[in-house]
Amino acid sequence: MQSFFYIIEIILSLVGIGVILMQQHSEEGSSFLASSTQTFKLQTTRDKVLFILTLVIIFMFIGVLILHKRVVS
């Protein structure tokens, strides 16, 4: 059971790192793609989705850590 929590924690951390790196990448390209209004809206929507996804992954990771601590103790 303990290895299950470790695997979930590793997967969530890797996905979280990937989402954070995608946010960095989308911020770099925003100055080049912001010439038209429609592209800017698409870029803003993508940034908002990545931000919300980051928060969800962080809360899931914290929840798994707390659950892991309670099950093991």
N, C-alpha and C. Protein backbone atom coordinates (compact mmCIF):
# COMPACT_ATOMS: atom_id res chain seq x y z
N MET A 1 0.82 -1.20 0.00
CA MET A 1 0.00 0.00 0.00
C MET A 1 0.86 1.26 0.00
N GLN A 2 1.98 1.17 0.69
CA GLN A 2 2.85 2.33 0.79
C GLN A 2 3.46 2.67 -0.57
N SER A 3 3.80 1.64 -1.36
CA SER A 3 4.39 1.90 -2.68
C SER A 3 3.37 2.56 -3.61
N PHE A 4 2.09 2.26 -3.43
CA PHE A 4 1.04 2.89 -4.23
C PHE A 4 1.06 4.41 -4.04
N PHE A 5 1.16 4.85 -2.79
CA PHE A 5 1.20 6.29 -2.52
C PHE A 5 2.46 6.92 -3.10
N TYR A 6 3.59 6.22 -3.01
CA TYR A 6 4.82 6.76 -3.57
C TYR A 6 4.70 6.94 -5.09
N ILE A 7 4.09 5.98 -5.75
CA ILE A 7 3.93 6.08 -7.20
C ILE A 7 3.02 7.25 -7.56
N ILE A 8 1.91 7.39 -6.85
CA ILE A 8 0.98 8.51 -7.10
C ILE A 8 1.68 9.85 -6.85
N GLU A 9 2.47 9.94 -5.78
CA GLU A 9 3.18 11.19 -5.49
C GLU A 9 4.18 11.53 -6.58
N ILE A 10 4.88 10.53 -7.09
CA ILE A 10 5.86 10.77 -8.15
C ILE A 10 5.15 11.22 -9.43
N ILE A 11 4.05 10.56 -9.77
CA ILE A 11 3.31 10.94 -10.98
C ILE A 11 2.77 12.36 -10.87
N LEU A 12 2.16 12.68 -9.72
CA LEU A 12 1.62 14.04 -9.55
C LEU A 12 2.73 15.09 -9.58
N SER A 13 3.88 14.78 -9.00
CA SER A 13 4.97 15.76 -9.02
C SER A 13 5.50 15.97 -10.43
N LEU A 14 5.63 14.91 -11.21
CA LEU A 14 6.11 15.05 -12.59
C LEU A 14 5.10 15.81 -13.46
N VAL A 15 3.83 15.51 -13.28
CA VAL A 15 2.80 16.24 -14.04
C VAL A 15 2.79 17.71 -13.63
N GLY A 16 2.94 17.97 -12.33
CA GLY A 16 2.99 19.35 -11.85
C GLY A 16 4.17 20.12 -12.43
N ILE A 17 5.31 19.47 -12.47
CA ILE A 17 6.50 20.12 -13.06
C ILE A 17 6.26 20.41 -14.54
N GLY A 18 5.65 19.46 -15.24
CA GLY A 18 5.36 19.66 -16.66
C GLY A 18 4.41 20.82 -16.90
N VAL A 19 3.37 20.93 -16.08
CA VAL A 19 2.41 22.03 -16.23
C VAL A 19 3.08 23.37 -15.94
N ILE A 20 3.92 23.41 -14.92
CA ILE A 20 4.62 24.65 -14.60
C ILE A 20 5.56 25.05 -15.73
N LEU A 21 6.25 24.08 -16.32
CA LEU A 21 7.12 24.40 -17.45
C LEU A 21 6.32 24.85 -18.66
N MET A 22 5.14 24.32 -18.85
CA MET A 22 4.29 24.77 -19.96
C MET A 22 3.84 26.21 -19.73
N GLN A 23 3.63 26.61 -18.48
CA GLN A 23 3.27 28.00 -18.19
C GLN A 23 4.42 28.92 -18.56
N GLN A 24 5.62 28.54 -18.22
CA GLN A 24 6.79 29.35 -18.56
C GLN A 24 6.89 29.49 -20.08
N HIS A 25 6.67 28.41 -20.80
CA HIS A 25 6.78 28.44 -22.24
C HIS A 25 5.71 29.33 -22.87
N SER A 26 4.49 29.29 -22.35
CA SER A 26 3.43 30.10 -22.94
C SER A 26 3.62 31.58 -22.63
N GLU A 27 4.26 31.92 -21.51
CA GLU A 27 4.52 33.33 -21.20
C GLU A 27 5.58 33.90 -22.12
N GLU A 28 6.56 33.09 -22.54
CA GLU A 28 7.60 33.58 -23.43
C GLU A 28 7.03 33.93 -24.80
N GLY A 29 6.11 33.12 -25.30
CA GLY A 29 5.57 33.35 -26.62
C GLY A 29 4.45 34.37 -26.67
N SER A 30 4.00 34.85 -25.54
CA SER A 30 2.85 35.75 -25.54
C SER A 30 3.14 37.07 -26.22
N SER A 31 4.36 37.56 -26.15
CA SER A 31 4.66 38.84 -26.77
C SER A 31 4.66 38.73 -28.29
N PHE A 32 5.00 37.57 -28.82
CA PHE A 32 5.01 37.39 -30.27
C PHE A 32 3.62 37.13 -30.83
N LEU A 33 2.77 36.48 -30.05
CA LEU A 33 1.47 36.08 -30.55
C LEU A 33 0.36 37.06 -30.21
N ALA A 34 0.67 38.12 -29.52
CA ALA A 34 -0.36 39.04 -29.05
C ALA A 34 -0.74 40.10 -30.08
N SER A 35 -0.37 39.90 -31.34
CA SER A 35 -0.66 40.92 -32.32
C SER A 35 -2.15 40.98 -32.67
N SER A 36 -2.83 39.86 -32.70
CA SER A 36 -4.26 39.90 -32.99
C SER A 36 -5.05 39.63 -31.72
N THR A 37 -6.26 40.14 -31.67
CA THR A 37 -7.10 40.01 -30.48
C THR A 37 -7.49 38.56 -30.25
N GLN A 38 -7.81 37.83 -31.32
CA GLN A 38 -8.23 36.44 -31.17
C GLN A 38 -7.09 35.58 -30.64
N THR A 39 -5.89 35.79 -31.11
CA THR A 39 -4.74 35.04 -30.62
C THR A 39 -4.48 35.37 -29.16
N PHE A 40 -4.65 36.63 -28.79
CA PHE A 40 -4.44 37.02 -27.40
C PHE A 40 -5.46 36.35 -26.49
N LYS A 41 -6.72 36.28 -26.92
CA LYS A 41 -7.75 35.61 -26.12
C LYS A 41 -7.43 34.13 -25.96
N LEU A 42 -6.95 33.50 -27.04
CA LEU A 42 -6.58 32.09 -26.98
C LEU A 42 -5.42 31.90 -26.00
N GLN A 43 -4.45 32.79 -26.06
CA GLN A 43 -3.31 32.71 -25.17
C GLN A 43 -3.74 32.90 -23.72
N THR A 44 -4.62 33.85 -23.46
CA THR A 44 -5.10 34.11 -22.11
C THR A 44 -5.89 32.91 -21.58
N THR A 45 -6.71 32.31 -22.43
CA THR A 45 -7.48 31.14 -22.03
C THR A 45 -6.56 29.99 -21.68
N ARG A 46 -5.53 29.78 -22.49
CA ARG A 46 -4.57 28.70 -22.23
C ARG A 46 -3.85 28.94 -20.91
N ASP A 47 -3.45 30.18 -20.66
CA ASP A 47 -2.78 30.50 -19.40
C ASP A 47 -3.69 30.26 -18.20
N LYS A 48 -4.96 30.61 -18.34
CA LYS A 48 -5.91 30.41 -17.26
C LYS A 48 -6.12 28.92 -16.98
N VAL A 49 -6.25 28.13 -18.04
CA VAL A 49 -6.42 26.69 -17.88
C VAL A 49 -5.19 26.07 -17.22
N LEU A 50 -4.01 26.48 -17.64
CA LEU A 50 -2.78 25.95 -17.04
C LEU A 50 -2.66 26.35 -15.57
N PHE A 51 -3.08 27.56 -15.24
CA PHE A 51 -3.04 28.02 -13.86
C PHE A 51 -3.99 27.20 -12.99
N ILE A 52 -5.22 26.99 -13.47
CA ILE A 52 -6.18 26.21 -12.70
C ILE A 52 -5.72 24.76 -12.58
N LEU A 53 -5.17 24.21 -13.65
CA LEU A 53 -4.65 22.84 -13.62
C LEU A 53 -3.50 22.71 -12.62
N THR A 54 -2.66 23.74 -12.54
CA THR A 54 -1.57 23.73 -11.55
C THR A 54 -2.13 23.70 -10.13
N LEU A 55 -3.14 24.51 -9.86
CA LEU A 55 -3.74 24.51 -8.52
C LEU A 55 -4.37 23.17 -8.18
N VAL A 56 -5.05 22.57 -9.14
CA VAL A 56 -5.68 21.27 -8.91
C VAL A 56 -4.63 20.21 -8.59
N ILE A 57 -3.54 20.21 -9.35
CA ILE A 57 -2.48 19.23 -9.12
C ILE A 57 -1.83 19.44 -7.76
N ILE A 58 -1.61 20.69 -7.37
CA ILE A 58 -1.01 20.98 -6.06
C ILE A 58 -1.92 20.48 -4.94
N PHE A 59 -3.22 20.75 -5.03
CA PHE A 59 -4.14 20.30 -3.99
C PHE A 59 -4.26 18.78 -3.96
N MET A 60 -4.23 18.14 -5.14
CA MET A 60 -4.25 16.68 -5.17
C MET A 60 -3.00 16.11 -4.52
N PHE A 61 -1.85 16.72 -4.80
CA PHE A 61 -0.58 16.25 -4.23
C PHE A 61 -0.62 16.38 -2.71
N ILE A 62 -1.08 17.51 -2.21
CA ILE A 62 -1.17 17.71 -0.76
C ILE A 62 -2.15 16.72 -0.15
N GLY A 63 -3.27 16.48 -0.82
CA GLY A 63 -4.25 15.52 -0.33
C GLY A 63 -3.68 14.11 -0.25
N VAL A 64 -2.92 13.72 -1.27
CA VAL A 64 -2.30 12.39 -1.26
C VAL A 64 -1.26 12.30 -0.15
N LEU A 65 -0.50 13.37 0.07
CA LEU A 65 0.48 13.36 1.16
C LEU A 65 -0.19 13.20 2.53
N ILE A 66 -1.29 13.92 2.74
CA ILE A 66 -2.00 13.81 4.01
C ILE A 66 -2.60 12.42 4.17
N LEU A 67 -3.22 11.91 3.11
CA LEU A 67 -3.79 10.56 3.16
C LEU A 67 -2.71 9.52 3.40
N HIS A 68 -1.59 9.66 2.77
CA HIS A 68 -0.48 8.74 2.95
C HIS A 68 0.00 8.74 4.40
N LYS A 69 0.11 9.92 4.96
CA LYS A 69 0.56 10.03 6.34
C LYS A 69 -0.43 9.36 7.32
N ARG A 70 -1.73 9.53 7.05
CA ARG A 70 -2.74 8.94 7.94
C ARG A 70 -2.82 7.43 7.80
N VAL A 71 -2.66 6.92 6.59
CA VAL A 71 -2.76 5.47 6.37
C VAL A 71 -1.54 4.76 6.96
N VAL A 72 -0.37 5.34 6.79
CA VAL A 72 0.86 4.71 7.27
C VAL A 72 0.95 4.78 8.80
N SER A 73 0.48 5.85 9.40
CA SER A 73 0.60 6.00 10.85
C SER A 73 -0.30 5.08 11.62
